[in-house]
Amino acid sequence: MKGLTFKIYNHIKELPNNWDDVAVSNVFLQTHYLEVLEKSAPTNMQCFYIGIFENQELIGVSLAQYLDLNKLESFGERDKCFKTFIRNFIFKNFASHTLFIGNNMITGQNGYAFSKVIDFEQISQILMESAKEITTYFKNKKIKIHLVSFKDFYEHCSVELKKFSLSNTYEFNTQPNMIFYLDKKWKNKEDYIASFSKKYRDQYKRAHKKFDGIVVKELTFEEVVLHEETIYDLYHYVAKNAPFNTFFLAKNHFSTMKKQCQNHFLIFGYFLKDKLVGFHTILLNGTVLETYFLGYDSQVQKENMLYLNMLYNMTEYGIENGFEKIIFGRTALEIKSSIGAIPVNMSGFIYHNNKLINKYIEYIFKKLEPEAEWQMRHPFKEVGCLRLEDGC
């Protein structure tokens, strides 16, 4: 690899001292976040940390996650149809041991970071060789890795990566990542609301009126611990009613996250008559605001338009604190577009270690991937902020 080598670590305490210096551009690769995964990862997940060296100097960092789907309580309970049953059966029996190079818990290109410019040929080779070494690690433990997936690349990056070591690996596109590029002219929520067309100003007013009586409060670490059981129950309701899951968070995840990431991780509680009925979380990642997990009481959500108000609140926080964009992720595409987010296509690469199955991986994947039918909304009177180029 033109003088590059890599080393795979099983524990945070083994990482080189300058790991965070190399990972400075991405909070999801810094040790305070990685320690959250080590202390409160989903019960079916094991993490690996990849250090990339040039002449013994650490110049790159990456993350890998192994998932044992046999330990999963549910793949998702929202869609109850025959196709979903078949998909879940196939995943359980032919893809239960899956390796992700990247972070399967979040949306976005968060799989690696470098302290210097590295060409795509070297990056693709490192990713592939890392996957092979971890696969061998599990083989020695009598565990056969079925699927290997390289997760979430922006389009211009995936075009380059597939020219090299990933050229024979199936490239897939799932639902787009909803990203809100915030207009620099907006200084507060009044500027944001004023930019809406009448239809979407009315939507905001209607949601705001429904929200009356609910108090939003940023929670301290002590308050997160106090409400931890309720927070988890609210999260778990939303998670298990998603169309598809590969993990469920550990019950202590949110308190661990707050303790480790401190002011980089914010959790906002939604209280109705002093009862916690919802929450949302965000991560501060440089100039990017990353939405994380949320949860809510289904009845309150229905009656008080809780989810839509959460989206508005996250947007207002991003505007008022000077963020350039908000990563809203892959779910609820239509409602996110109604508040200003736009779809950005992202690619992944995947292969199966069974050569026969891998031969038909494109056909199988397209048959099993849940289809998302949605209508793009255009809430603004004029096009606000032009899309920025996402880096590799």
Protein backbone atom coordinates (compact mmCIF):
# COMPACT_ATOMS: atom_id res chain seq x y z
CA MET A 1 0.00 0.00 0.00
CA LYS A 2 2.79 2.39 -0.96
CA GLY A 3 4.36 2.43 2.47
CA LEU A 4 1.08 2.43 4.43
CA THR A 5 0.31 -0.16 7.08
CA PHE A 6 -2.58 -0.61 9.46
CA LYS A 7 -3.20 -2.10 12.88
CA ILE A 8 -6.54 -3.20 14.33
CA TYR A 9 -7.28 -2.60 18.00
CA ASN A 10 -9.95 -4.23 20.16
CA HIS A 11 -9.96 -1.72 23.01
CA ILE A 12 -9.72 2.07 23.41
CA LYS A 13 -6.89 1.79 25.95
CA GLU A 14 -4.68 0.28 23.22
CA LEU A 15 -5.00 3.26 20.83
CA PRO A 16 -2.01 5.49 20.02
CA ASN A 17 -1.81 8.65 22.13
CA ASN A 18 -2.28 10.96 19.13
CA TRP A 19 -5.45 9.21 17.88
CA ASP A 20 -7.64 12.27 18.53
CA ASP A 21 -5.19 14.56 16.74
CA VAL A 22 -5.75 12.53 13.58
CA ALA A 23 -9.52 12.23 14.20
CA VAL A 24 -9.95 15.95 14.92
CA SER A 25 -12.22 16.48 11.89
CA ASN A 26 -14.87 13.98 12.99
CA VAL A 27 -16.36 13.62 16.47
CA PHE A 28 -17.56 10.09 15.64
CA LEU A 29 -13.97 8.88 15.41
CA GLN A 30 -12.65 10.62 18.52
CA THR A 31 -12.00 8.60 21.64
CA HIS A 32 -14.69 10.20 23.82
CA TYR A 33 -17.31 8.89 21.36
CA LEU A 34 -15.55 5.56 20.78
CA GLU A 35 -15.51 5.02 24.54
CA VAL A 36 -19.30 5.33 24.47
CA LEU A 37 -19.41 2.44 22.02
CA GLU A 38 -17.06 0.40 24.20
CA LYS A 39 -19.03 1.05 27.39
CA SER A 40 -22.60 0.99 26.03
CA ALA A 41 -22.66 -0.54 22.56
CA PRO A 42 -25.72 -2.53 21.50
CA THR A 43 -25.55 -6.04 22.96
CA ASN A 44 -25.14 -7.55 19.48
CA MET A 45 -22.24 -5.27 18.47
CA GLN A 46 -18.46 -5.48 18.79
CA CYS A 47 -16.27 -2.58 17.68
CA PHE A 48 -12.78 -2.51 16.17
CA TYR A 49 -10.54 0.53 15.79
CA ILE A 50 -8.19 0.76 12.82
CA GLY A 51 -5.01 2.81 12.94
CA ILE A 52 -3.34 3.63 9.60
CA PHE A 53 0.38 4.36 9.59
CA GLU A 54 2.96 5.85 7.26
CA ASN A 55 6.52 5.03 8.33
CA GLN A 56 5.33 4.27 11.88
CA GLU A 57 3.44 7.60 12.08
CA LEU A 58 -0.32 7.47 12.65
CA ILE A 59 -1.95 9.37 9.77
CA GLY A 60 -5.42 7.79 9.60
CA VAL A 61 -8.13 6.27 11.78
CA SER A 62 -11.14 4.13 10.98
CA LEU A 63 -13.92 2.17 12.67
CA ALA A 64 -15.42 -1.27 12.09
CA GLN A 65 -18.45 -2.89 13.72
CA TYR A 66 -19.44 -6.56 13.87
CA LEU A 67 -23.13 -7.30 14.36
CA ASP A 68 -24.61 -10.63 15.43
CA LEU A 69 -28.20 -10.44 14.23
CA ASN A 70 -29.03 -13.68 16.06
CA LYS A 71 -29.07 -11.64 19.26
CA LEU A 72 -31.56 -9.11 17.93
CA GLU A 73 -34.98 -9.02 19.60
CA SER A 74 -36.69 -7.69 16.46
CA PHE A 75 -35.80 -6.50 12.96
CA GLY A 76 -38.58 -3.89 13.20
CA GLU A 77 -42.29 -4.30 13.79
CA ARG A 78 -43.86 -1.55 11.68
CA ASP A 79 -44.20 -3.35 8.34
CA LYS A 80 -46.04 -6.66 8.67
CA CYS A 81 -46.15 -8.11 5.17
CA PHE A 82 -44.88 -11.23 3.42
CA LYS A 83 -41.94 -9.43 1.81
CA THR A 84 -40.81 -8.21 5.22
CA PHE A 85 -41.11 -11.74 6.62
CA ILE A 86 -38.97 -13.15 3.79
CA ARG A 87 -36.38 -10.37 4.20
CA ASN A 88 -36.09 -11.01 7.94
CA PHE A 89 -35.82 -14.77 7.38
CA ILE A 90 -32.98 -14.31 4.88
CA PHE A 91 -31.11 -11.88 7.14
CA LYS A 92 -31.47 -14.22 10.11
CA ASN A 93 -30.22 -17.27 8.22
CA PHE A 94 -27.79 -15.96 5.59
CA ALA A 95 -26.58 -12.60 6.93
CA SER A 96 -26.69 -12.96 10.70
CA HIS A 97 -22.98 -12.24 11.05
CA THR A 98 -22.33 -8.89 9.41
CA LEU A 99 -19.23 -6.71 9.39
CA PHE A 100 -19.50 -2.97 8.75
CA ILE A 101 -16.47 -0.90 7.86
CA GLY A 102 -17.83 2.41 9.11
CA ASN A 103 -20.47 3.31 11.68
CA ASN A 104 -23.78 1.50 11.28
CA MET A 105 -25.39 3.54 14.09
CA ILE A 106 -25.42 6.86 12.25
CA THR A 107 -25.95 8.22 8.75
CA GLY A 108 -23.11 9.95 6.95
CA GLN A 109 -19.53 9.51 5.87
CA ASN A 110 -17.95 8.81 9.24
CA GLY A 111 -15.89 5.71 8.52
CA TYR A 112 -12.40 7.20 8.36
CA ALA A 113 -10.34 10.36 8.84
CA PHE A 114 -6.80 11.27 7.78
CA SER A 115 -4.36 13.94 8.87
CA LYS A 116 -2.98 14.26 5.33
CA VAL A 117 -4.23 13.73 1.79
CA ILE A 118 -4.38 10.05 0.84
CA ASP A 119 -5.35 8.88 -2.63
CA PHE A 120 -8.47 6.78 -3.15
CA GLU A 121 -6.51 3.77 -4.33
CA GLN A 122 -4.82 3.52 -0.94
CA ILE A 123 -8.05 4.19 0.97
CA SER A 124 -9.96 1.48 -0.90
CA GLN A 125 -7.14 -1.00 -0.38
CA ILE A 126 -6.94 -0.27 3.36
CA LEU A 127 -10.70 -0.70 3.75
CA MET A 128 -10.69 -4.02 1.91
CA GLU A 129 -7.63 -5.39 3.72
CA SER A 130 -9.05 -4.36 7.10
CA ALA A 131 -12.26 -6.24 6.34
CA LYS A 132 -10.30 -9.36 5.39
CA GLU A 133 -8.21 -9.25 8.58
CA ILE A 134 -11.28 -8.89 10.83
CA THR A 135 -13.03 -11.67 8.91
CA THR A 136 -10.03 -13.91 9.60
CA TYR A 137 -10.13 -12.90 13.27
CA PHE A 138 -13.69 -14.23 13.53
CA LYS A 139 -12.90 -17.30 11.45
CA ASN A 140 -10.31 -18.23 14.05
CA LYS A 141 -13.10 -17.94 16.63
CA LYS A 142 -15.27 -20.34 14.57
CA ILE A 143 -17.57 -17.50 13.49
CA LYS A 144 -18.19 -17.08 9.78
CA ILE A 145 -18.77 -13.52 8.60
CA HIS A 146 -21.58 -13.62 6.04
CA LEU A 147 -21.87 -10.04 4.83
CA VAL A 148 -19.27 -7.29 4.65
CA SER A 149 -20.47 -3.75 4.07
CA PHE A 150 -18.50 -0.55 3.54
CA LYS A 151 -20.90 2.12 4.74
CA ASP A 152 -21.91 5.58 3.57
CA PHE A 153 -19.90 7.47 0.99
CA TYR A 154 -20.89 10.65 -0.77
CA GLU A 155 -21.32 10.14 -4.49
CA HIS A 156 -18.10 11.77 -5.65
CA CYS A 157 -16.15 9.65 -3.16
CA SER A 158 -17.81 6.35 -4.12
CA VAL A 159 -17.08 7.04 -7.79
CA GLU A 160 -13.38 7.20 -6.96
CA LEU A 161 -13.32 4.26 -4.53
CA LYS A 162 -14.92 1.82 -6.97
CA LYS A 163 -12.10 2.40 -9.47
CA PHE A 164 -9.77 0.39 -7.25
CA SER A 165 -10.06 -2.40 -4.63
CA LEU A 166 -13.85 -2.01 -4.38
CA SER A 167 -14.34 -2.28 -8.15
CA ASN A 168 -15.78 -5.81 -7.98
CA THR A 169 -17.91 -5.11 -4.90
CA TYR A 170 -21.61 -4.37 -5.38
CA GLU A 171 -22.41 -0.69 -4.91
CA PHE A 172 -25.82 0.01 -3.41
CA ASN A 173 -27.90 3.08 -2.75
CA THR A 174 -30.50 3.07 0.01
CA GLN A 175 -32.74 5.90 1.10
CA PRO A 176 -31.03 9.30 0.82
CA ASN A 177 -29.50 11.19 3.69
CA MET A 178 -31.67 14.24 4.46
CA ILE A 179 -29.36 17.23 4.92
CA PHE A 180 -30.40 20.79 5.71
CA TYR A 181 -27.94 23.35 4.33
CA LEU A 182 -28.71 26.40 6.45
CA ASP A 183 -28.95 29.80 4.78
CA LYS A 184 -26.22 32.06 6.14
CA LYS A 185 -28.67 34.98 6.09
CA TRP A 186 -30.77 33.31 8.80
CA LYS A 187 -29.74 34.57 12.23
CA ASN A 188 -32.74 33.38 14.25
CA LYS A 189 -35.93 31.38 13.95
CA GLU A 190 -37.89 34.45 12.81
CA ASP A 191 -35.66 34.70 9.70
CA TYR A 192 -36.21 30.99 9.05
CA ILE A 193 -40.00 31.17 9.40
CA ALA A 194 -40.19 34.29 7.24
CA SER A 195 -38.55 32.39 4.36
CA PHE A 196 -41.44 29.87 4.19
CA SER A 197 -44.18 30.05 1.60
CA LYS A 198 -47.65 30.61 3.10
CA LYS A 199 -48.47 26.88 3.13
CA TYR A 200 -45.44 26.02 5.23
CA ARG A 201 -45.75 29.07 7.50
CA ASP A 202 -49.24 27.78 8.23
CA GLN A 203 -47.77 24.33 8.91
CA TYR A 204 -45.32 25.85 11.38
CA LYS A 205 -48.06 27.86 13.12
CA ARG A 206 -50.31 24.81 13.35
CA ALA A 207 -47.53 22.66 14.82
CA HIS A 208 -46.51 25.44 17.22
CA LYS A 209 -50.11 25.80 18.42
CA LYS A 210 -50.40 22.05 19.00
CA PHE A 211 -47.17 22.23 20.98
CA ASP A 212 -48.66 24.57 23.57
CA GLY A 213 -48.25 23.25 27.11
CA ILE A 214 -45.12 21.21 26.40
CA VAL A 215 -41.92 22.44 28.07
CA VAL A 216 -38.54 21.75 26.43
CA LYS A 217 -35.49 21.52 28.65
CA GLU A 218 -31.85 20.66 27.98
CA LEU A 219 -31.00 17.85 30.40
CA THR A 220 -27.89 17.71 32.54
CA PHE A 221 -26.03 14.45 33.09
CA GLU A 222 -27.74 14.04 36.46
CA GLU A 223 -31.16 14.56 34.86
CA VAL A 224 -30.39 12.05 32.11
CA VAL A 225 -29.54 9.49 34.81
CA LEU A 226 -32.73 10.38 36.70
CA HIS A 227 -34.92 9.88 33.62
CA GLU A 228 -32.87 7.12 32.01
CA GLU A 229 -35.51 4.40 32.18
CA THR A 230 -38.18 6.64 30.64
CA ILE A 231 -35.74 7.90 28.00
CA TYR A 232 -34.96 4.34 27.00
CA ASP A 233 -38.63 3.33 26.88
CA LEU A 234 -39.42 6.31 24.61
CA TYR A 235 -36.45 5.48 22.36
CA HIS A 236 -37.34 1.78 22.29
CA TYR A 237 -40.91 2.46 21.16
CA VAL A 238 -39.68 4.43 18.16
CA ALA A 239 -36.87 1.98 17.36
CA LYS A 240 -38.96 -1.17 17.39
CA ASN A 241 -41.59 0.48 15.19
CA ALA A 242 -39.03 1.37 12.54
CA PRO A 243 -39.27 -0.56 9.25
CA PHE A 244 -35.90 -2.28 9.82
CA ASN A 245 -33.33 -2.56 12.62
CA THR A 246 -29.93 -4.17 12.99
CA PHE A 247 -29.40 -3.15 16.64
CA PHE A 248 -31.00 -1.68 19.74
CA LEU A 249 -29.09 0.67 22.01
CA ALA A 250 -28.00 -0.41 25.46
CA LYS A 251 -30.14 0.94 28.29
CA ASN A 252 -27.28 3.05 29.65
CA HIS A 253 -26.34 4.49 26.26
CA PHE A 254 -27.66 8.01 26.74
CA SER A 255 -26.15 8.59 30.18
CA THR A 256 -22.84 7.14 28.98
CA MET A 257 -22.98 9.37 25.92
CA LYS A 258 -23.63 12.47 28.03
CA LYS A 259 -20.89 11.61 30.51
CA GLN A 260 -18.27 10.93 27.83
CA CYS A 261 -19.14 13.61 25.26
CA GLN A 262 -20.35 16.28 27.72
CA ASN A 263 -21.12 19.51 25.81
CA HIS A 264 -20.60 17.85 22.42
CA PHE A 265 -23.76 15.82 23.10
CA LEU A 266 -27.03 17.51 24.01
CA ILE A 267 -30.27 15.85 25.05
CA PHE A 268 -33.51 17.83 25.20
CA GLY A 269 -36.45 16.56 27.22
CA TYR A 270 -40.08 17.33 26.33
CA PHE A 271 -42.32 17.55 29.39
CA LEU A 272 -46.11 17.63 29.54
CA LYS A 273 -47.50 18.32 33.04
CA ASP A 274 -44.03 17.52 34.44
CA LYS A 275 -44.00 14.10 32.74
CA LEU A 276 -41.24 13.29 30.24
CA VAL A 277 -43.09 12.47 27.00
CA GLY A 278 -40.28 12.79 24.46
CA PHE A 279 -36.65 13.66 23.86
CA HIS A 280 -34.26 14.39 21.04
CA THR A 281 -30.47 14.35 20.93
CA ILE A 282 -27.88 16.17 18.85
CA LEU A 283 -24.11 15.96 18.45
CA LEU A 284 -21.94 18.98 17.71
CA ASN A 285 -19.48 17.95 15.00
CA GLY A 286 -17.51 21.05 14.08
CA THR A 287 -19.70 23.16 11.76
CA VAL A 288 -22.12 20.25 11.36
CA LEU A 289 -25.06 19.51 13.64
CA GLU A 290 -25.67 15.77 13.76
CA THR A 291 -29.10 14.57 14.82
CA TYR A 292 -28.85 11.42 16.90
CA PHE A 293 -31.57 9.23 18.45
CA LEU A 294 -34.94 10.39 19.73
CA GLY A 295 -38.07 8.99 21.32
CA TYR A 296 -41.62 9.95 22.15
CA ASP A 297 -44.92 8.89 23.62
CA SER A 298 -47.07 7.82 20.65
CA GLN A 299 -50.27 9.45 21.92
CA VAL A 300 -48.58 12.79 22.65
CA GLN A 301 -46.82 12.64 19.28
CA LYS A 302 -50.17 12.22 17.55
CA GLU A 303 -52.02 14.93 19.47
CA ASN A 304 -49.23 17.51 19.77
CA MET A 305 -47.28 17.03 16.51
CA LEU A 306 -44.28 16.28 18.70
CA TYR A 307 -41.95 14.93 16.02
CA LEU A 308 -42.45 17.89 13.67
CA ASN A 309 -41.83 20.29 16.54
CA MET A 310 -38.62 18.42 17.37
CA LEU A 311 -37.43 18.97 13.79
CA TYR A 312 -38.20 22.69 14.05
CA ASN A 313 -36.39 22.90 17.40
CA MET A 314 -33.28 21.17 16.02
CA THR A 315 -33.30 23.54 13.05
CA GLU A 316 -33.67 26.60 15.27
CA TYR A 317 -30.75 25.41 17.41
CA GLY A 318 -28.62 24.99 14.30
CA ILE A 319 -29.44 28.46 13.00
CA GLU A 320 -29.01 30.29 16.29
CA ASN A 321 -25.67 28.60 16.99
CA GLY A 322 -24.16 29.20 13.56
CA PHE A 323 -24.00 25.67 12.13
CA GLU A 324 -23.59 25.27 8.38
CA LYS A 325 -25.75 22.18 7.98
CA ILE A 326 -27.83 19.64 9.87
CA ILE A 327 -27.61 15.90 9.15
CA PHE A 328 -31.14 14.55 9.61
CA GLY A 329 -30.49 10.99 8.41
CA ARG A 330 -32.55 8.54 6.38
CA THR A 331 -35.94 8.21 8.06
CA ALA A 332 -39.15 10.27 7.61
CA LEU A 333 -37.96 11.75 4.33
CA GLU A 334 -41.09 13.70 3.42
CA ILE A 335 -41.62 15.49 6.73
CA LYS A 336 -37.92 16.41 6.86
CA SER A 337 -38.15 17.91 3.38
CA SER A 338 -41.12 19.97 4.60
CA ILE A 339 -38.87 21.82 7.05
CA GLY A 340 -36.10 22.40 4.51
CA ALA A 341 -33.87 19.31 4.30
CA ILE A 342 -32.94 17.97 0.87
CA PRO A 343 -32.07 14.38 -0.15
CA VAL A 344 -28.39 13.62 -0.73
CA ASN A 345 -27.64 10.22 -2.22
CA MET A 346 -25.04 8.11 -0.49
CA SER A 347 -23.52 4.81 -1.56
CA GLY A 348 -22.26 1.74 0.19
CA PHE A 349 -20.44 -1.36 -0.99
CA ILE A 350 -21.34 -4.90 0.01
CA TYR A 351 -20.28 -8.49 -0.63
CA HIS A 352 -21.22 -11.92 0.69
CA ASN A 353 -18.52 -14.42 1.59
CA ASN A 354 -20.53 -17.21 -0.05
CA LYS A 355 -19.47 -16.97 -3.70
CA LEU A 356 -22.79 -18.25 -5.04
CA ILE A 357 -24.83 -15.78 -3.00
CA ASN A 358 -22.40 -13.00 -3.85
CA LYS A 359 -22.88 -13.71 -7.56
CA TYR A 360 -26.54 -12.72 -7.17
CA ILE A 361 -26.07 -10.07 -4.48
CA GLU A 362 -27.40 -7.24 -6.66
CA TYR A 363 -30.62 -9.11 -7.43
CA ILE A 364 -31.11 -10.22 -3.81
CA PHE A 365 -30.37 -6.78 -2.38
CA LYS A 366 -32.84 -5.02 -4.69
CA LYS A 367 -35.55 -7.50 -3.79
CA LEU A 368 -35.03 -7.12 -0.05
CA GLU A 369 -34.36 -3.39 0.32
CA PRO A 370 -37.51 -1.65 1.66
CA GLU A 371 -38.94 0.78 -0.88
CA ALA A 372 -39.54 4.35 0.24
CA GLU A 373 -42.35 6.14 -1.54
CA TRP A 374 -42.40 9.80 -0.68
CA GLN A 375 -43.00 13.23 -2.12
CA MET A 376 -40.35 15.91 -1.94
CA ARG A 377 -41.64 19.10 -0.34
CA HIS A 378 -40.45 22.63 -1.20
CA PRO A 379 -41.19 24.87 1.79
CA PHE A 380 -39.39 28.08 0.83
CA LYS A 381 -40.52 31.03 -1.24
CA GLU A 382 -37.10 31.02 -2.85
CA VAL A 383 -34.20 28.58 -2.93
CA GLY A 384 -32.28 29.43 0.22
CA CYS A 385 -28.82 28.08 0.76
CA LEU A 386 -27.00 26.42 -2.12
CA ARG A 387 -25.81 22.92 -1.46
CA LEU A 388 -22.23 22.80 -0.23
CA GLU A 389 -19.85 20.11 -1.42
CA ASP A 390 -19.46 17.35 1.12
CA GLY A 391 -15.89 16.30 1.65
CA CYS A 392 -14.38 12.87 1.47
